[in-house]
Amino acid sequence: MDEQLVAQKLESLRRCIQRVESRLPEDLNTLLTDLDAQDIVSLNLTRAVQMCVDIASHWLAENAEATAPKTMGQAFDALAQSGVIDTELAIRLRKSVGFRNVMVHNYDDVNWEIVFAICQYHLGDFREFARVFSDLMA
């Protein structure tokens, strides 16, 4: 595994999460009216998901025993099957790919309540993913 590449992606993932935390308003109503916060939060959440997909895909490509996934979401399932992450984290990260797809392909249909909930309750998923890969490289 190209540890320097993964380390760069992990650092980018950490910065994305920090940006989300620093710009997420205290309440949903503020997010609904603050277009700058919407842009910063949504871009950084989307990037965080993509960083996780990239890291997962890179690890899977380097490990011959792992089955190559056909979709981004399946990359997390393959990591769980390989014992790299637990099944519950894989499920949550697979769902994050659905969020990413809405953000990238249907931006006009964004449900800001869901975005706010992700920011409040699921940023730890990205931190856990980063911790796992930091530990793998240690």
Protein backbone atom coordinates (compact mmCIF):
# COMPACT_ATOMS: atom_id res chain seq x y z
CA MET A 1 0.00 0.00 0.00
CA ASP A 2 1.35 3.44 -0.92
CA GLU A 3 1.48 4.77 2.61
CA GLN A 4 2.30 8.32 1.54
CA LEU A 5 -0.78 8.47 -0.70
CA VAL A 6 -3.01 7.03 2.02
CA ALA A 7 -1.52 9.42 4.59
CA GLN A 8 -2.32 12.37 2.31
CA LYS A 9 -5.88 11.16 1.85
CA LEU A 10 -6.28 10.64 5.59
CA GLU A 11 -5.07 14.18 6.23
CA SER A 12 -7.51 15.50 3.63
CA LEU A 13 -10.29 13.49 5.30
CA ARG A 14 -9.43 15.02 8.67
CA ARG A 15 -9.45 18.54 7.20
CA CYS A 16 -12.85 17.92 5.62
CA ILE A 17 -14.32 16.85 8.94
CA GLN A 18 -12.78 19.86 10.68
CA ARG A 19 -14.30 22.20 8.06
CA VAL A 20 -17.72 20.64 8.56
CA GLU A 21 -17.44 21.04 12.31
CA SER A 22 -16.23 24.62 12.06
CA ARG A 23 -18.98 25.75 9.70
CA LEU A 24 -22.00 23.71 10.78
CA PRO A 25 -24.54 26.10 12.32
CA GLU A 26 -25.91 25.33 15.77
CA ASP A 27 -29.39 24.60 14.43
CA LEU A 28 -31.12 23.37 11.31
CA ASN A 29 -32.98 26.62 10.67
CA THR A 30 -29.71 28.51 10.36
CA LEU A 31 -28.34 25.90 7.97
CA LEU A 32 -31.49 26.22 5.85
CA THR A 33 -30.81 29.93 5.30
CA ASP A 34 -26.99 30.09 5.32
CA LEU A 35 -25.94 29.35 1.76
CA ASP A 36 -22.22 29.62 2.55
CA ALA A 37 -22.55 27.07 5.36
CA GLN A 38 -24.54 24.79 3.04
CA ASP A 39 -21.80 24.96 0.42
CA ILE A 40 -18.93 24.38 2.86
CA VAL A 41 -20.67 21.59 4.75
CA SER A 42 -21.94 19.75 1.68
CA LEU A 43 -18.67 20.02 -0.23
CA ASN A 44 -16.61 18.77 2.69
CA LEU A 45 -19.00 15.93 3.51
CA THR A 46 -18.95 14.87 -0.13
CA ARG A 47 -15.16 15.01 -0.18
CA ALA A 48 -14.97 13.03 3.08
CA VAL A 49 -17.05 10.23 1.56
CA GLN A 50 -14.90 10.27 -1.57
CA MET A 51 -11.69 10.13 0.47
CA CYS A 52 -12.99 7.06 2.30
CA VAL A 53 -13.92 5.41 -1.01
CA ASP A 54 -10.50 6.22 -2.45
CA ILE A 55 -8.66 4.81 0.58
CA ALA A 56 -10.84 1.68 0.57
CA SER A 57 -10.32 1.15 -3.16
CA HIS A 58 -6.58 1.64 -2.82
CA TRP A 59 -6.35 -0.91 0.00
CA LEU A 60 -8.52 -3.40 -1.87
CA ALA A 61 -6.42 -3.06 -5.05
CA GLU A 62 -3.27 -3.84 -3.05
CA ASN A 63 -4.70 -6.93 -1.36
CA ALA A 64 -5.21 -9.81 -3.76
CA GLU A 65 -7.42 -11.78 -1.36
CA ALA A 66 -10.02 -9.02 -1.39
CA THR A 67 -12.78 -9.15 -3.99
CA ALA A 68 -12.84 -6.13 -6.27
CA PRO A 69 -16.04 -4.15 -5.65
CA LYS A 70 -18.35 -3.16 -8.49
CA THR A 71 -19.69 -0.06 -6.73
CA MET A 72 -18.33 2.49 -4.29
CA GLY A 73 -20.60 1.19 -1.55
CA GLN A 74 -19.39 -2.36 -2.06
CA ALA A 75 -15.85 -1.20 -1.30
CA PHE A 76 -16.87 -0.85 2.35
CA ASP A 77 -18.54 -4.28 2.33
CA ALA A 78 -15.32 -5.76 0.95
CA LEU A 79 -13.31 -4.09 3.71
CA ALA A 80 -15.65 -5.60 6.30
CA GLN A 81 -15.41 -9.05 4.68
CA SER A 82 -11.62 -8.72 4.82
CA GLY A 83 -11.78 -7.83 8.52
CA VAL A 84 -10.42 -4.32 8.08
CA ILE A 85 -13.54 -2.53 9.38
CA ASP A 86 -16.53 -3.86 11.25
CA THR A 87 -19.81 -4.60 9.50
CA GLU A 88 -21.73 -1.79 11.20
CA LEU A 89 -19.21 0.81 10.05
CA ALA A 90 -19.35 -0.66 6.53
CA ILE A 91 -23.14 -0.29 6.50
CA ARG A 92 -22.97 3.33 7.64
CA LEU A 93 -20.24 4.20 5.13
CA ARG A 94 -22.14 2.46 2.33
CA LYS A 95 -25.09 4.74 3.15
CA SER A 96 -22.76 7.73 2.97
CA VAL A 97 -22.13 6.89 -0.69
CA GLY A 98 -25.86 7.38 -1.33
CA PHE A 99 -25.57 10.81 0.27
CA ARG A 100 -22.54 11.58 -1.89
CA ASN A 101 -24.43 10.59 -5.03
CA VAL A 102 -27.31 12.93 -4.20
CA MET A 103 -24.88 15.76 -3.54
CA VAL A 104 -23.02 15.22 -6.79
CA HIS A 105 -25.90 14.35 -9.12
CA ASN A 106 -29.07 15.90 -7.65
CA TYR A 107 -27.91 18.94 -5.72
CA ASP A 108 -31.30 20.62 -6.15
CA ASP A 109 -32.94 17.77 -4.20
CA VAL A 110 -30.76 18.00 -1.08
CA ASN A 111 -32.61 17.40 2.15
CA TRP A 112 -30.80 19.71 4.58
CA GLU A 113 -32.38 17.95 7.55
CA ILE A 114 -30.51 14.80 6.53
CA VAL A 115 -27.29 16.75 6.01
CA PHE A 116 -27.64 18.31 9.45
CA ALA A 117 -28.30 14.90 11.02
CA ILE A 118 -25.25 13.40 9.31
CA CYS A 119 -23.14 16.22 10.70
CA GLN A 120 -24.52 15.79 14.19
CA TYR A 121 -24.47 12.00 14.45
CA HIS A 122 -22.13 10.47 11.86
CA LEU A 123 -18.90 12.45 11.62
CA GLY A 124 -17.50 9.87 14.01
CA ASP A 125 -17.86 7.27 11.26
CA PHE A 126 -15.26 9.12 9.20
CA ARG A 127 -12.99 9.48 12.23
CA GLU A 128 -13.28 5.76 12.97
CA PHE A 129 -12.44 4.93 9.36
CA ALA A 130 -9.40 7.23 9.51
CA ARG A 131 -8.28 5.67 12.80
CA VAL A 132 -8.45 2.16 11.32
CA PHE A 133 -6.25 3.11 8.38
CA SER A 134 -3.86 5.15 10.54
CA ASP A 135 -3.45 2.05 12.71
CA LEU A 136 -2.87 -0.13 9.65
CA MET A 137 -0.03 2.11 8.57
CA ALA A 138 1.58 2.35 12.04
